[in-house]
Amino acid sequence: MYPGLGAVAACLSPAGATVASWDARYTLEANHTSCSPVGADQTRGGGALRQYEVMLILPAEADEAVVSGALDRITRSVSESGGQVGNVDRWGRRRLAFEVDRQSEGYYVVVEFTADPEAITGLERALHLADEVLRFKVVVRGEAA
């Protein structure tokens, strides 16, 4: 019916459907079924905890109080959702590849943790609102994302 479309043609004109006359502007009638998969497997969210890593860039002049405040914010957000903070690696002061908020250096901190995938949005929201965090990135560890 539709040459070269293969499976798409089956979705456009399901078995048993007829095309109405020209006056009806080519509307489909009868047994129209959906082409969306029924009972698709859930691939994200819910279930087991996953391993994550977040890298923070704080101002270069950040003292221990600022660093511990950012780490407390992460720990609080992760533990509220049933997760757990693992290794905290303080890289220290490093030069940035480009200026961020008119700063050429930053204090880097990498935090490994386990959390429910739904908790990441809350963590990202908390880090966006934190004035002491210049930049951050949360990534999934141990699997192709």
Protein backbone atom coordinates (compact mmCIF):
# COMPACT_ATOMS: atom_id res chain seq x y z
CA MET A 1 0.00 0.00 0.00
CA TYR A 2 2.85 2.38 0.87
CA PRO A 3 5.95 1.24 -1.04
CA GLY A 4 9.26 1.48 0.82
CA LEU A 5 7.74 2.21 4.22
CA GLY A 6 7.63 -1.36 5.56
CA ALA A 7 6.59 -1.41 9.22
CA VAL A 8 5.59 2.24 9.17
CA ALA A 9 2.92 1.44 6.59
CA ALA A 10 1.34 -1.04 8.98
CA CYS A 11 1.02 1.72 11.56
CA LEU A 12 -0.39 4.20 9.09
CA SER A 13 -3.06 1.83 7.80
CA PRO A 14 -3.75 -1.03 10.22
CA ALA A 15 -5.39 -4.23 9.04
CA GLY A 16 -9.10 -3.84 8.51
CA ALA A 17 -9.00 -0.04 8.25
CA THR A 18 -10.42 1.57 5.17
CA VAL A 19 -9.89 4.97 3.70
CA ALA A 20 -13.09 6.96 3.30
CA SER A 21 -14.09 8.77 0.14
CA TRP A 22 -12.50 11.98 -1.10
CA ASP A 23 -15.25 14.03 0.49
CA ALA A 24 -14.36 12.72 3.95
CA ARG A 25 -10.79 14.01 3.52
CA TYR A 26 -9.12 10.62 3.75
CA THR A 27 -9.96 9.78 7.34
CA LEU A 28 -9.39 6.27 8.65
CA GLU A 29 -12.38 4.23 9.67
CA ALA A 30 -12.95 0.95 11.55
CA ASN A 31 -10.28 -1.06 13.41
CA HIS A 32 -7.61 1.52 14.10
CA THR A 33 -5.07 0.21 16.62
CA SER A 34 -2.21 1.99 18.28
CA CYS A 35 1.37 1.45 17.06
CA SER A 36 2.91 2.11 20.45
CA PRO A 37 4.30 -0.97 22.19
CA VAL A 38 2.08 -2.51 24.82
CA GLY A 39 3.72 -3.25 28.16
CA ALA A 40 7.12 -1.76 27.33
CA ASP A 41 9.87 -2.51 29.83
CA GLN A 42 10.69 0.26 32.25
CA THR A 43 14.31 1.29 31.82
CA ARG A 44 14.72 4.19 34.24
CA GLY A 45 13.59 5.06 37.73
CA GLY A 46 12.47 2.98 40.68
CA GLY A 47 14.02 -0.20 41.92
CA ALA A 48 17.55 -0.64 43.16
CA LEU A 49 20.01 2.04 44.16
CA ARG A 50 22.61 3.08 41.59
CA GLN A 51 26.17 4.26 41.94
CA TYR A 52 26.77 7.91 41.09
CA GLU A 53 29.61 10.40 41.14
CA VAL A 54 29.32 14.16 41.43
CA MET A 55 32.13 16.61 40.74
CA LEU A 56 31.88 20.05 42.30
CA ILE A 57 33.86 23.15 41.48
CA LEU A 58 33.92 25.59 44.37
CA PRO A 59 35.64 29.00 44.47
CA ALA A 60 39.45 28.72 44.68
CA GLU A 61 39.54 30.60 47.99
CA ALA A 62 37.08 28.13 49.57
CA ASP A 63 38.11 27.23 53.11
CA GLU A 64 37.21 24.06 55.01
CA ALA A 65 33.87 25.53 56.16
CA VAL A 66 32.70 26.09 52.57
CA VAL A 67 33.82 22.63 51.42
CA SER A 68 32.21 20.88 54.39
CA GLY A 69 29.00 22.89 53.84
CA ALA A 70 28.77 21.68 50.23
CA LEU A 71 29.50 18.11 51.33
CA ASP A 72 26.84 18.33 54.06
CA ARG A 73 24.34 19.52 51.46
CA ILE A 74 25.11 16.46 49.29
CA THR A 75 25.04 14.06 52.24
CA ARG A 76 21.70 15.42 53.45
CA SER A 77 20.10 15.21 50.00
CA VAL A 78 21.35 11.67 49.36
CA SER A 79 20.53 10.28 52.82
CA GLU A 80 16.97 11.68 52.73
CA SER A 81 16.27 9.44 49.75
CA GLY A 82 17.78 6.33 51.35
CA GLY A 83 21.18 6.60 49.66
CA GLN A 84 24.65 6.62 51.13
CA VAL A 85 27.75 8.74 50.51
CA GLY A 86 30.93 6.77 49.89
CA ASN A 87 34.34 8.11 48.97
CA VAL A 88 35.04 11.87 49.06
CA ASP A 89 38.09 12.91 47.05
CA ARG A 90 39.31 16.49 47.45
CA TRP A 91 41.41 17.38 44.44
CA GLY A 92 42.14 20.84 45.75
CA ARG A 93 42.87 24.01 43.84
CA ARG A 94 43.22 23.64 40.05
CA ARG A 95 43.27 25.92 37.02
CA LEU A 96 40.01 26.01 35.04
CA ALA A 97 40.00 25.44 31.28
CA PHE A 98 38.04 28.69 30.89
CA GLU A 99 36.83 31.40 33.23
CA VAL A 100 33.72 30.63 35.25
CA ASP A 101 32.09 33.58 37.00
CA ARG A 102 35.28 35.60 36.38
CA GLN A 103 37.44 33.03 38.16
CA SER A 104 40.32 31.18 36.53
CA GLU A 105 40.89 28.67 39.38
CA GLY A 106 38.57 26.45 41.38
CA TYR A 107 38.57 23.97 44.23
CA TYR A 108 37.57 20.52 42.93
CA VAL A 109 35.75 17.88 45.00
CA VAL A 110 34.58 14.45 43.74
CA VAL A 111 31.96 12.55 45.76
CA GLU A 112 30.92 8.94 45.12
CA PHE A 113 27.51 7.84 46.41
CA THR A 114 24.64 5.39 45.94
CA ALA A 115 21.11 6.70 45.54
CA ASP A 116 17.73 6.07 44.00
CA PRO A 117 17.55 7.54 40.46
CA GLU A 118 14.62 9.73 41.49
CA ALA A 119 16.77 11.41 44.16
CA ILE A 120 19.14 12.91 41.59
CA THR A 121 16.72 15.68 40.64
CA GLY A 122 16.55 16.78 44.28
CA LEU A 123 20.35 16.73 44.56
CA GLU A 124 20.76 18.74 41.36
CA ARG A 125 18.20 21.26 42.57
CA ALA A 126 20.04 21.66 45.88
CA LEU A 127 23.38 22.16 44.10
CA HIS A 128 21.90 24.69 41.66
CA LEU A 129 20.62 26.73 44.60
CA ALA A 130 23.92 26.57 46.50
CA ASP A 131 25.75 29.87 46.14
CA GLU A 132 29.14 28.32 46.89
CA VAL A 133 29.01 25.85 43.96
CA LEU A 134 30.35 27.29 40.69
CA ARG A 135 29.70 24.16 38.59
CA PHE A 136 28.79 20.52 39.16
CA LYS A 137 28.17 17.37 37.15
CA VAL A 138 26.42 14.16 38.28
CA VAL A 139 27.21 10.98 36.35
CA VAL A 140 26.21 7.33 36.69
CA ARG A 141 29.16 5.06 37.54
CA GLY A 142 29.70 1.52 36.36
CA GLU A 143 27.27 1.37 33.41
CA ALA A 144 26.73 2.93 30.03
CA ALA A 145 24.28 5.80 30.47
